[in-house]
Amino acid sequence: MRRITRSAANGVISVALVCGGVAATTQTAHAGGVCSYTAISYRPVLSIGDQGAAVKQVQCLINKVSFYPTQLVEDGVFGAATRSGVQYVQRCNRITADGIVGPDTWTKLYYGTC
């Protein structure tokens, strides 16, 4: 990941990033209000095979606030596509890309830069 530009507009800092060969502009704003399948404080550890509203929340956050190039189906099933999206967010935010949604990944989904 490398930063290309940085600018401020309407009080929100935007940063252009290149992550995994994809250029994207992100906002450092909190993403909690974007997806509402679960409460922002509900952050269970999730991995392949898990199902439910928390998985839908992860899928929605990846779709809405990351710049993962593939749109995930928000079906609540943590399969290979969701794992790939999670790993993208993890790599882009420079945390261990294990495909497991733990505390660090939840934080990056809500407050990360990509």
Protein backbone atom coordinates (compact mmCIF):
# COMPACT_ATOMS: atom_id res chain seq x y z
CA MET A 1 0.00 0.00 0.00
CA ARG A 2 1.30 3.47 -0.76
CA ARG A 3 -0.22 6.87 -0.38
CA ILE A 4 -0.62 8.92 -3.56
CA THR A 5 -2.39 12.09 -2.45
CA ARG A 6 -4.02 13.63 0.56
CA SER A 7 -6.66 16.33 0.59
CA ALA A 8 -9.34 17.72 2.89
CA ALA A 9 -12.91 18.41 1.79
CA ASN A 10 -15.88 19.30 3.98
CA GLY A 11 -13.92 18.52 7.14
CA VAL A 12 -13.27 14.87 6.22
CA ILE A 13 -9.75 13.80 5.41
CA SER A 14 -9.48 11.73 2.25
CA VAL A 15 -6.47 9.67 1.31
CA ALA A 16 -5.84 8.03 -2.04
CA LEU A 17 -4.26 4.59 -1.70
CA VAL A 18 -2.96 1.87 -3.91
CA CYS A 19 -3.66 -1.49 -2.37
CA GLY A 20 -3.35 -4.74 -4.25
CA GLY A 21 -2.93 -2.81 -7.50
CA VAL A 22 -6.24 -0.95 -7.08
CA ALA A 23 -6.26 2.81 -6.58
CA ALA A 24 -8.90 4.03 -4.17
CA THR A 25 -9.90 7.07 -2.19
CA THR A 26 -10.85 6.42 1.41
CA GLN A 27 -12.25 8.49 4.20
CA THR A 28 -11.06 8.19 7.76
CA ALA A 29 -14.62 8.65 9.02
CA HIS A 30 -16.27 6.00 11.19
CA ALA A 31 -18.24 3.40 9.20
CA GLY A 32 -20.67 2.31 11.91
CA GLY A 33 -23.77 3.90 10.39
CA VAL A 34 -23.18 2.41 6.95
CA CYS A 35 -24.21 -1.15 7.78
CA SER A 36 -26.76 -2.12 10.41
CA TYR A 37 -27.00 -5.90 10.55
CA THR A 38 -25.53 -5.81 14.09
CA ALA A 39 -24.58 -3.26 16.72
CA ILE A 40 -21.14 -1.70 16.28
CA SER A 41 -20.13 -3.15 19.66
CA TYR A 42 -20.95 -6.75 18.62
CA ARG A 43 -17.68 -8.16 17.29
CA PRO A 44 -17.45 -11.96 17.48
CA VAL A 45 -14.50 -13.83 16.01
CA LEU A 46 -15.60 -15.08 12.58
CA SER A 47 -14.09 -17.46 10.04
CA ILE A 48 -14.94 -19.87 7.22
CA GLY A 49 -18.18 -21.71 7.91
CA ASP A 50 -19.72 -19.13 10.24
CA GLN A 51 -23.17 -17.78 9.44
CA GLY A 52 -25.47 -15.04 10.65
CA ALA A 53 -25.95 -11.33 11.07
CA ALA A 54 -22.35 -10.66 12.11
CA VAL A 55 -21.12 -12.20 8.86
CA LYS A 56 -23.59 -10.00 6.95
CA GLN A 57 -22.13 -7.01 8.80
CA VAL A 58 -18.61 -7.96 7.68
CA GLN A 59 -19.78 -8.46 4.08
CA CYS A 60 -21.58 -5.11 4.11
CA LEU A 61 -18.59 -3.26 5.56
CA ILE A 62 -16.29 -4.78 2.95
CA ASN A 63 -18.74 -3.72 0.22
CA LYS A 64 -19.40 -0.22 1.53
CA VAL A 65 -16.20 1.04 3.10
CA SER A 66 -13.33 -0.95 1.66
CA PHE A 67 -12.24 -0.87 -1.92
CA TYR A 68 -12.32 -4.61 -2.44
CA PRO A 69 -12.79 -4.94 -6.21
CA THR A 70 -15.44 -7.68 -5.98
CA GLN A 71 -18.93 -7.01 -4.60
CA LEU A 72 -19.77 -9.60 -1.95
CA VAL A 73 -23.24 -11.10 -1.63
CA GLU A 74 -24.52 -10.10 1.81
CA ASP A 75 -25.97 -13.53 2.55
CA GLY A 76 -24.52 -14.11 6.02
CA VAL A 77 -22.44 -17.11 4.92
CA PHE A 78 -18.69 -16.85 5.54
CA GLY A 79 -17.33 -18.66 2.52
CA ALA A 80 -14.28 -18.35 0.28
CA ALA A 81 -15.39 -15.03 -1.24
CA THR A 82 -15.87 -13.42 2.17
CA ARG A 83 -12.51 -14.79 3.33
CA SER A 84 -10.83 -13.21 0.29
CA GLY A 85 -12.49 -9.88 1.07
CA VAL A 86 -11.39 -10.06 4.70
CA GLN A 87 -7.82 -10.86 3.64
CA TYR A 88 -7.86 -7.88 1.26
CA VAL A 89 -8.87 -5.55 4.10
CA GLN A 90 -6.25 -7.12 6.38
CA ARG A 91 -3.42 -6.77 3.84
CA CYS A 92 -4.42 -3.25 2.93
CA ASN A 93 -4.42 -2.24 6.60
CA ARG A 94 -1.15 -4.08 7.30
CA ILE A 95 -2.45 -6.59 9.79
CA THR A 96 -2.07 -10.38 9.64
CA ALA A 97 -3.98 -11.60 6.56
CA ASP A 98 -5.32 -14.84 8.04
CA GLY A 99 -8.91 -14.40 6.83
CA ILE A 100 -10.25 -14.52 10.39
CA VAL A 101 -12.27 -11.56 11.63
CA GLY A 102 -10.93 -10.88 15.11
CA PRO A 103 -10.61 -7.67 17.15
CA ASP A 104 -8.00 -6.03 14.89
CA THR A 105 -9.95 -6.80 11.73
CA TRP A 106 -13.20 -5.47 13.19
CA THR A 107 -11.41 -2.24 14.11
CA LYS A 108 -10.02 -1.91 10.59
CA LEU A 109 -13.44 -2.61 9.05
CA TYR A 110 -14.94 0.24 11.06
CA TYR A 111 -12.01 2.67 11.25
CA GLY A 112 -9.38 1.50 8.74
CA THR A 113 -8.14 3.31 5.69
CA CYS A 114 -8.99 0.74 3.03
